[in-house]
Amino acid sequence: MTVTRSLLLFALAAVAEIGGAWLVWQGVREHRGWLWIGAGIVALGAYGFVATLQPDANFGRILAAYGGVFVAGSLAWGMVADGFRPDRYDVAGALICLVGVAVIMYSPRGA
């Protein structure tokens, strides 16, 4: 159950952070205005809160592992929201990052 909870929190954090950054991007780069920027800032704040809910107590480990989730999630977001088509190197890099997440977060550790 702990791994499932952790994976769900990583997914929720990815939606909040990537979505927040995308909203700010839309507000600034696509000239959609302050409402989009404000919503992005709120979403980015939510990401910071969601990260604290991870069961592991080590900030550095959580943030390092989330980096891999962010890489893969950003490519997926780009595909859905912007029609981005990753090439094989994008996909390979994202898979390498996700393997890193698994090693960092879910490897057995001794006392």
C-alpha atoms as a PDB file:
ATOM      1  CA  MET A   1       0.000   0.000   0.000  1.00  0.00           C
ATOM      2  CA  THR A   2       2.873   2.382   0.737  1.00  0.00           C
ATOM      3  CA  VAL A   3       4.310   2.061  -2.797  1.00  0.00           C
ATOM      4  CA  THR A   4       0.864   2.607  -4.321  1.00  0.00           C
ATOM      5  CA  ARG A   5       0.324   5.694  -2.163  1.00  0.00           C
ATOM      6  CA  SER A   6       3.756   7.012  -3.086  1.00  0.00           C
ATOM      7  CA  LEU A   7       3.138   6.498  -6.817  1.00  0.00           C
ATOM      8  CA  LEU A   8      -0.225   8.280  -6.599  1.00  0.00           C
ATOM      9  CA  LEU A   9       1.403  11.193  -4.765  1.00  0.00           C
ATOM     10  CA  PHE A  10       4.116  11.420  -7.418  1.00  0.00           C
ATOM     11  CA  ALA A  11       1.419  11.525 -10.120  1.00  0.00           C
ATOM     12  CA  LEU A  12      -0.546  14.202  -8.251  1.00  0.00           C
ATOM     13  CA  ALA A  13       2.621  16.239  -7.684  1.00  0.00           C
ATOM     14  CA  ALA A  14       3.453  15.985 -11.390  1.00  0.00           C
ATOM     15  CA  VAL A  15       0.022  17.262 -12.412  1.00  0.00           C
ATOM     16  CA  ALA A  16       0.292  20.162  -9.956  1.00  0.00           C
ATOM     17  CA  GLU A  17       3.835  21.212 -10.864  1.00  0.00           C
ATOM     18  CA  ILE A  18       3.781  20.590 -14.595  1.00  0.00           C
ATOM     19  CA  GLY A  19       0.248  21.967 -14.866  1.00  0.00           C
ATOM     20  CA  GLY A  20       1.232  25.012 -12.844  1.00  0.00           C
ATOM     21  CA  ALA A  21       4.280  25.697 -14.974  1.00  0.00           C
ATOM     22  CA  TRP A  22       2.191  25.195 -18.126  1.00  0.00           C
ATOM     23  CA  LEU A  23      -0.438  27.668 -16.877  1.00  0.00           C
ATOM     24  CA  VAL A  24       2.235  30.288 -16.177  1.00  0.00           C
ATOM     25  CA  TRP A  25       3.722  29.609 -19.631  1.00  0.00           C
ATOM     26  CA  GLN A  26       0.301  30.070 -21.212  1.00  0.00           C
ATOM     27  CA  GLY A  27      -0.286  33.274 -19.267  1.00  0.00           C
ATOM     28  CA  VAL A  28       3.043  34.816 -20.206  1.00  0.00           C
ATOM     29  CA  ARG A  29       4.182  33.291 -23.502  1.00  0.00           C
ATOM     30  CA  GLU A  30       0.740  32.856 -25.053  1.00  0.00           C
ATOM     31  CA  HIS A  31      -0.576  36.163 -23.623  1.00  0.00           C
ATOM     32  CA  ARG A  32      -3.540  34.580 -21.847  1.00  0.00           C
ATOM     33  CA  GLY A  33      -3.244  36.914 -18.896  1.00  0.00           C
ATOM     34  CA  TRP A  34      -2.957  37.168 -15.166  1.00  0.00           C
ATOM     35  CA  LEU A  35      -5.734  34.686 -14.366  1.00  0.00           C
ATOM     36  CA  TRP A  36      -3.734  31.896 -16.010  1.00  0.00           C
ATOM     37  CA  ILE A  37      -0.559  33.036 -14.266  1.00  0.00           C
ATOM     38  CA  GLY A  38      -2.319  33.162 -10.885  1.00  0.00           C
ATOM     39  CA  ALA A  39      -3.806  29.692 -11.355  1.00  0.00           C
ATOM     40  CA  GLY A  40      -0.336  28.447 -12.217  1.00  0.00           C
ATOM     41  CA  ILE A  41       1.139  29.923  -9.066  1.00  0.00           C
ATOM     42  CA  VAL A  42      -1.575  28.264  -6.965  1.00  0.00           C
ATOM     43  CA  ALA A  43      -0.917  24.916  -8.659  1.00  0.00           C
ATOM     44  CA  LEU A  44       2.829  25.253  -8.064  1.00  0.00           C
ATOM     45  CA  GLY A  45       2.138  25.900  -4.384  1.00  0.00           C
ATOM     46  CA  ALA A  46      -0.056  22.792  -4.286  1.00  0.00           C
ATOM     47  CA  TYR A  47       2.843  20.774  -5.689  1.00  0.00           C
ATOM     48  CA  GLY A  48       5.013  21.866  -2.766  1.00  0.00           C
ATOM     49  CA  PHE A  49       2.365  20.700  -0.336  1.00  0.00           C
ATOM     50  CA  VAL A  50       1.740  17.358  -2.069  1.00  0.00           C
ATOM     51  CA  ALA A  51       5.444  16.530  -1.934  1.00  0.00           C
ATOM     52  CA  THR A  52       5.324  16.684   1.877  1.00  0.00           C
ATOM     53  CA  LEU A  53       2.774  13.851   1.933  1.00  0.00           C
ATOM     54  CA  GLN A  54       5.251  11.230   0.653  1.00  0.00           C
ATOM     55  CA  PRO A  55       5.775   8.448   3.228  1.00  0.00           C
ATOM     56  CA  ASP A  56       9.591   8.718   3.089  1.00  0.00           C
ATOM     57  CA  ALA A  57      10.947  11.308   5.523  1.00  0.00           C
ATOM     58  CA  ASN A  58      13.995  12.347   3.468  1.00  0.00           C
ATOM     59  CA  PHE A  59      13.461  15.572   1.519  1.00  0.00           C
ATOM     60  CA  GLY A  60      16.481  15.037  -0.720  1.00  0.00           C
ATOM     61  CA  ARG A  61      15.381  11.539  -1.703  1.00  0.00           C
ATOM     62  CA  ILE A  62      11.822  12.655  -2.466  1.00  0.00           C
ATOM     63  CA  LEU A  63      12.933  15.619  -4.555  1.00  0.00           C
ATOM     64  CA  ALA A  64      15.578  13.609  -6.416  1.00  0.00           C
ATOM     65  CA  ALA A  65      13.097  10.864  -7.271  1.00  0.00           C
ATOM     66  CA  TYR A  66      10.450  13.381  -8.246  1.00  0.00           C
ATOM     67  CA  GLY A  67      12.928  14.818 -10.752  1.00  0.00           C
ATOM     68  CA  GLY A  68      12.618  11.611 -12.756  1.00  0.00           C
ATOM     69  CA  VAL A  69       8.838  11.713 -12.546  1.00  0.00           C
ATOM     70  CA  PHE A  70       8.953  15.340 -13.717  1.00  0.00           C
ATOM     71  CA  VAL A  71      11.000  14.421 -16.794  1.00  0.00           C
ATOM     72  CA  ALA A  72       8.603  11.688 -17.920  1.00  0.00           C
ATOM     73  CA  GLY A  73       5.517  13.666 -16.901  1.00  0.00           C
ATOM     74  CA  SER A  74       6.644  16.753 -18.791  1.00  0.00           C
ATOM     75  CA  LEU A  75       6.978  14.804 -22.013  1.00  0.00           C
ATOM     76  CA  ALA A  76       3.549  13.220 -21.472  1.00  0.00           C
ATOM     77  CA  TRP A  77       2.000  16.632 -20.692  1.00  0.00           C
ATOM     78  CA  GLY A  78       3.503  18.070 -23.860  1.00  0.00           C
ATOM     79  CA  MET A  79       1.977  15.234 -25.877  1.00  0.00           C
ATOM     80  CA  VAL A  80      -1.503  15.763 -24.439  1.00  0.00           C
ATOM     81  CA  ALA A  81      -1.612  19.549 -24.076  1.00  0.00           C
ATOM     82  CA  ASP A  82       0.555  20.762 -26.949  1.00  0.00           C
ATOM     83  CA  GLY A  83       0.681  17.962 -29.512  1.00  0.00           C
ATOM     84  CA  PHE A  84       4.395  17.355 -28.853  1.00  0.00           C
ATOM     85  CA  ARG A  85       5.744  14.125 -30.317  1.00  0.00           C
ATOM     86  CA  PRO A  86       8.770  12.795 -28.434  1.00  0.00           C
ATOM     87  CA  ASP A  87      11.447  11.017 -30.410  1.00  0.00           C
ATOM     88  CA  ARG A  88      13.086   7.761 -29.369  1.00  0.00           C
ATOM     89  CA  TYR A  89      15.738   9.593 -27.369  1.00  0.00           C
ATOM     90  CA  ASP A  90      13.108  11.470 -25.385  1.00  0.00           C
ATOM     91  CA  VAL A  91      11.376   8.170 -24.616  1.00  0.00           C
ATOM     92  CA  ALA A  92      14.632   6.410 -23.745  1.00  0.00           C
ATOM     93  CA  GLY A  93      15.675   9.254 -21.455  1.00  0.00           C
ATOM     94  CA  ALA A  94      12.307   9.265 -19.695  1.00  0.00           C
ATOM     95  CA  LEU A  95      12.467   5.504 -19.148  1.00  0.00           C
ATOM     96  CA  ILE A  96      15.981   5.815 -17.714  1.00  0.00           C
ATOM     97  CA  CYS A  97      14.696   8.502 -15.346  1.00  0.00           C
ATOM     98  CA  LEU A  98      11.795   6.298 -14.218  1.00  0.00           C
ATOM     99  CA  VAL A  99      14.181   3.423 -13.516  1.00  0.00           C
ATOM    100  CA  GLY A 100      16.155   5.892 -11.400  1.00  0.00           C
ATOM    101  CA  VAL A 101      12.985   6.797  -9.503  1.00  0.00           C
ATOM    102  CA  ALA A 102      12.361   3.130  -8.738  1.00  0.00           C
ATOM    103  CA  VAL A 103      15.936   2.607  -7.530  1.00  0.00           C
ATOM    104  CA  ILE A 104      15.926   5.731  -5.363  1.00  0.00           C
ATOM    105  CA  MET A 105      12.504   5.251  -3.811  1.00  0.00           C
ATOM    106  CA  TYR A 106      11.753   1.553  -3.683  1.00  0.00           C
ATOM    107  CA  SER A 107      15.056  -0.292  -3.216  1.00  0.00           C
ATOM    108  CA  PRO A 108      15.281  -2.235   0.030  1.00  0.00           C
ATOM    109  CA  ARG A 109      17.394  -0.453   2.604  1.00  0.00           C
ATOM    110  CA  GLY A 110      19.133  -1.820   5.651  1.00  0.00           C
ATOM    111  CA  ALA A 111      18.948  -0.286   9.097  1.00  0.00           C
END
